[in-house]
Amino acid sequence: SKHGKPILFVYSNSPHWQRYIEEHWLPQLQAHAVVLNWSERKIWSRQRPFEARVFHYFAGRREYNPIVLYFPKQGPMRIVRFWQAFQDFKHGEEQKLKEAEKELFEMLAQIRQGDV
């Protein structure tokens, strides 16, 4: 809907990213995103059936968690996959995570400008 949230964000309770995401991203994401936890996917079909279908349709079978699906008012839908970025980060390589985060925060800035 036109009043819906433009981001679908999926992550899980992985020790590699849960705390990082919940501290750094969720406070900024929550106003603009439907957040699904992969670790609780058994209840998705009851609680968020539409979003669950959207996720399964677009995310595919590789590197689907954590993931951002962004549906802007104009232009094509965008996907940012964070799995590889967090694998690198675990081994001390920050570059991919910083780039993916930059993309996420640019999306949020775009959304906020559209809200004004």
C-alpha atoms as a PDB file:
ATOM      1  CA  SER A   1       0.000   0.000   0.000  1.00  0.00           C
ATOM      2  CA  LYS A   2       1.049   3.589  -0.382  1.00  0.00           C
ATOM      3  CA  HIS A   3       1.183   3.803   3.416  1.00  0.00           C
ATOM      4  CA  GLY A   4       3.227   0.629   3.691  1.00  0.00           C
ATOM      5  CA  LYS A   5       6.872   0.533   4.655  1.00  0.00           C
ATOM      6  CA  PRO A   6       9.248   0.559   1.674  1.00  0.00           C
ATOM      7  CA  ILE A   7      11.830  -1.809   3.170  1.00  0.00           C
ATOM      8  CA  LEU A   8      11.575  -5.471   4.038  1.00  0.00           C
ATOM      9  CA  PHE A   9      14.527  -6.395   6.241  1.00  0.00           C
ATOM     10  CA  VAL A  10      15.346  -9.973   7.199  1.00  0.00           C
ATOM     11  CA  TYR A  11      18.045 -11.069   9.614  1.00  0.00           C
ATOM     12  CA  SER A  12      18.507 -13.821  12.203  1.00  0.00           C
ATOM     13  CA  ASN A  13      19.849 -14.501  15.673  1.00  0.00           C
ATOM     14  CA  SER A  14      23.326 -15.283  14.365  1.00  0.00           C
ATOM     15  CA  PRO A  15      26.192 -14.411  16.718  1.00  0.00           C
ATOM     16  CA  HIS A  16      27.970 -12.974  13.660  1.00  0.00           C
ATOM     17  CA  TRP A  17      25.496 -10.130  13.192  1.00  0.00           C
ATOM     18  CA  GLN A  18      22.503 -10.081  15.544  1.00  0.00           C
ATOM     19  CA  ARG A  19      23.971  -7.702  18.098  1.00  0.00           C
ATOM     20  CA  TYR A  20      25.561  -5.460  15.483  1.00  0.00           C
ATOM     21  CA  ILE A  21      22.300  -5.145  13.546  1.00  0.00           C
ATOM     22  CA  GLU A  22      20.146  -4.612  16.626  1.00  0.00           C
ATOM     23  CA  GLU A  23      22.465  -1.888  17.910  1.00  0.00           C
ATOM     24  CA  HIS A  24      23.424  -0.088  14.696  1.00  0.00           C
ATOM     25  CA  TRP A  25      20.602  -0.596  12.206  1.00  0.00           C
ATOM     26  CA  LEU A  26      17.281  -1.450  13.811  1.00  0.00           C
ATOM     27  CA  PRO A  27      16.794   1.877  15.617  1.00  0.00           C
ATOM     28  CA  GLN A  28      17.056   3.654  12.248  1.00  0.00           C
ATOM     29  CA  LEU A  29      15.264   0.994  10.220  1.00  0.00           C
ATOM     30  CA  GLN A  30      12.184   0.397  12.317  1.00  0.00           C
ATOM     31  CA  ALA A  31      10.212   3.446  11.175  1.00  0.00           C
ATOM     32  CA  HIS A  32      10.661   2.490   7.523  1.00  0.00           C
ATOM     33  CA  ALA A  33      10.932  -1.289   7.474  1.00  0.00           C
ATOM     34  CA  VAL A  34       9.019  -4.438   8.155  1.00  0.00           C
ATOM     35  CA  VAL A  35      11.569  -6.533  10.043  1.00  0.00           C
ATOM     36  CA  LEU A  36      11.431 -10.319   9.930  1.00  0.00           C
ATOM     37  CA  ASN A  37      13.662 -12.590  11.965  1.00  0.00           C
ATOM     38  CA  TRP A  38      14.693 -15.698  10.030  1.00  0.00           C
ATOM     39  CA  SER A  39      15.123 -17.541  13.330  1.00  0.00           C
ATOM     40  CA  GLU A  40      11.365 -17.091  13.925  1.00  0.00           C
ATOM     41  CA  ARG A  41      10.266 -18.002  10.395  1.00  0.00           C
ATOM     42  CA  LYS A  42       7.890 -20.729  11.630  1.00  0.00           C
ATOM     43  CA  ILE A  43       5.456 -17.988  12.713  1.00  0.00           C
ATOM     44  CA  TRP A  44       5.809 -15.829   9.594  1.00  0.00           C
ATOM     45  CA  SER A  45       2.949 -17.536   7.776  1.00  0.00           C
ATOM     46  CA  ARG A  46       0.598 -16.526  10.611  1.00  0.00           C
ATOM     47  CA  GLN A  47       1.986 -13.103  11.449  1.00  0.00           C
ATOM     48  CA  ARG A  48       3.364 -11.775   8.160  1.00  0.00           C
ATOM     49  CA  PRO A  49       2.149 -13.991   5.299  1.00  0.00           C
ATOM     50  CA  PHE A  50       2.441 -11.310   2.606  1.00  0.00           C
ATOM     51  CA  GLU A  51       5.946 -10.226   3.603  1.00  0.00           C
ATOM     52  CA  ALA A  52       7.018 -13.857   3.921  1.00  0.00           C
ATOM     53  CA  ARG A  53       5.939 -14.475   0.313  1.00  0.00           C
ATOM     54  CA  VAL A  54       7.727 -11.322  -0.878  1.00  0.00           C
ATOM     55  CA  PHE A  55      10.908 -12.416   0.887  1.00  0.00           C
ATOM     56  CA  HIS A  56      10.823 -15.954  -0.528  1.00  0.00           C
ATOM     57  CA  TYR A  57      10.099 -14.637  -4.014  1.00  0.00           C
ATOM     58  CA  PHE A  58      12.917 -12.079  -4.177  1.00  0.00           C
ATOM     59  CA  ALA A  59      15.623 -13.312  -1.809  1.00  0.00           C
ATOM     60  CA  GLY A  60      16.457 -16.556  -3.579  1.00  0.00           C
ATOM     61  CA  ARG A  61      18.421 -19.421  -2.102  1.00  0.00           C
ATOM     62  CA  ARG A  62      21.838 -17.863  -1.544  1.00  0.00           C
ATOM     63  CA  GLU A  63      22.977 -15.142   0.826  1.00  0.00           C
ATOM     64  CA  TYR A  64      19.380 -14.384   1.746  1.00  0.00           C
ATOM     65  CA  ASN A  65      20.109 -13.396   5.330  1.00  0.00           C
ATOM     66  CA  PRO A  66      20.682 -10.660   6.355  1.00  0.00           C
ATOM     67  CA  ILE A  67      18.999  -8.911   3.434  1.00  0.00           C
ATOM     68  CA  VAL A  68      17.295  -5.645   2.573  1.00  0.00           C
ATOM     69  CA  LEU A  69      14.558  -5.514  -0.056  1.00  0.00           C
ATOM     70  CA  TYR A  70      13.807  -1.898  -0.944  1.00  0.00           C
ATOM     71  CA  PHE A  71      10.700  -0.903  -2.887  1.00  0.00           C
ATOM     72  CA  PRO A  72      11.109   2.816  -3.692  1.00  0.00           C
ATOM     73  CA  LYS A  73       8.182   4.982  -4.807  1.00  0.00           C
ATOM     74  CA  GLN A  74       9.950   5.396  -8.124  1.00  0.00           C
ATOM     75  CA  GLY A  75      12.514   3.290  -9.881  1.00  0.00           C
ATOM     76  CA  PRO A  76      13.421  -0.362  -9.621  1.00  0.00           C
ATOM     77  CA  MET A  77      13.332  -2.459  -6.498  1.00  0.00           C
ATOM     78  CA  ARG A  78      16.763  -2.918  -4.910  1.00  0.00           C
ATOM     79  CA  ILE A  79      18.324  -5.742  -2.941  1.00  0.00           C
ATOM     80  CA  VAL A  80      21.281  -5.494  -0.584  1.00  0.00           C
ATOM     81  CA  ARG A  81      22.697  -8.792   0.654  1.00  0.00           C
ATOM     82  CA  PHE A  82      24.835  -8.675   3.802  1.00  0.00           C
ATOM     83  CA  TRP A  83      25.836 -12.312   4.290  1.00  0.00           C
ATOM     84  CA  GLN A  84      29.234 -12.091   2.566  1.00  0.00           C
ATOM     85  CA  ALA A  85      29.939  -8.714   4.131  1.00  0.00           C
ATOM     86  CA  PHE A  86      29.499 -10.189   7.597  1.00  0.00           C
ATOM     87  CA  GLN A  87      31.635 -13.220   6.707  1.00  0.00           C
ATOM     88  CA  ASP A  88      34.448 -10.838   5.753  1.00  0.00           C
ATOM     89  CA  PHE A  89      33.841  -8.682   8.829  1.00  0.00           C
ATOM     90  CA  LYS A  90      34.195 -11.782  11.030  1.00  0.00           C
ATOM     91  CA  HIS A  91      37.717 -12.150   9.565  1.00  0.00           C
ATOM     92  CA  GLY A  92      38.657  -8.529  10.144  1.00  0.00           C
ATOM     93  CA  GLU A  93      37.766  -7.204   6.674  1.00  0.00           C
ATOM     94  CA  GLU A  94      35.415  -4.233   7.000  1.00  0.00           C
ATOM     95  CA  GLN A  95      35.231  -2.986   3.419  1.00  0.00           C
ATOM     96  CA  LYS A  96      32.220  -4.971   2.144  1.00  0.00           C
ATOM     97  CA  LEU A  97      30.207  -4.274   5.282  1.00  0.00           C
ATOM     98  CA  LYS A  98      30.944  -0.536   5.087  1.00  0.00           C
ATOM     99  CA  GLU A  99      29.870  -0.461   1.432  1.00  0.00           C
ATOM    100  CA  ALA A 100      26.660  -2.392   2.083  1.00  0.00           C
ATOM    101  CA  GLU A 101      25.864  -0.203   5.094  1.00  0.00           C
ATOM    102  CA  LYS A 102      26.425   2.912   3.012  1.00  0.00           C
ATOM    103  CA  GLU A 103      23.878   1.617   0.514  1.00  0.00           C
ATOM    104  CA  LEU A 104      21.403   0.907   3.326  1.00  0.00           C
ATOM    105  CA  PHE A 105      21.802   4.340   4.877  1.00  0.00           C
ATOM    106  CA  GLU A 106      21.467   6.025   1.464  1.00  0.00           C
ATOM    107  CA  MET A 107      18.141   4.231   1.039  1.00  0.00           C
ATOM    108  CA  LEU A 108      17.000   5.466   4.443  1.00  0.00           C
ATOM    109  CA  ALA A 109      18.030   9.023   3.581  1.00  0.00           C
ATOM    110  CA  GLN A 110      16.072   8.769   0.320  1.00  0.00           C
ATOM    111  CA  ILE A 111      12.999   7.532   2.189  1.00  0.00           C
ATOM    112  CA  ARG A 112      13.236  10.310   4.782  1.00  0.00           C
ATOM    113  CA  GLN A 113      13.471  12.961   2.054  1.00  0.00           C
ATOM    114  CA  GLY A 114      10.344  11.542   0.480  1.00  0.00           C
ATOM    115  CA  ASP A 115       8.531  11.737   3.841  1.00  0.00           C
ATOM    116  CA  VAL A 116       9.100  15.475   4.210  1.00  0.00           C
END
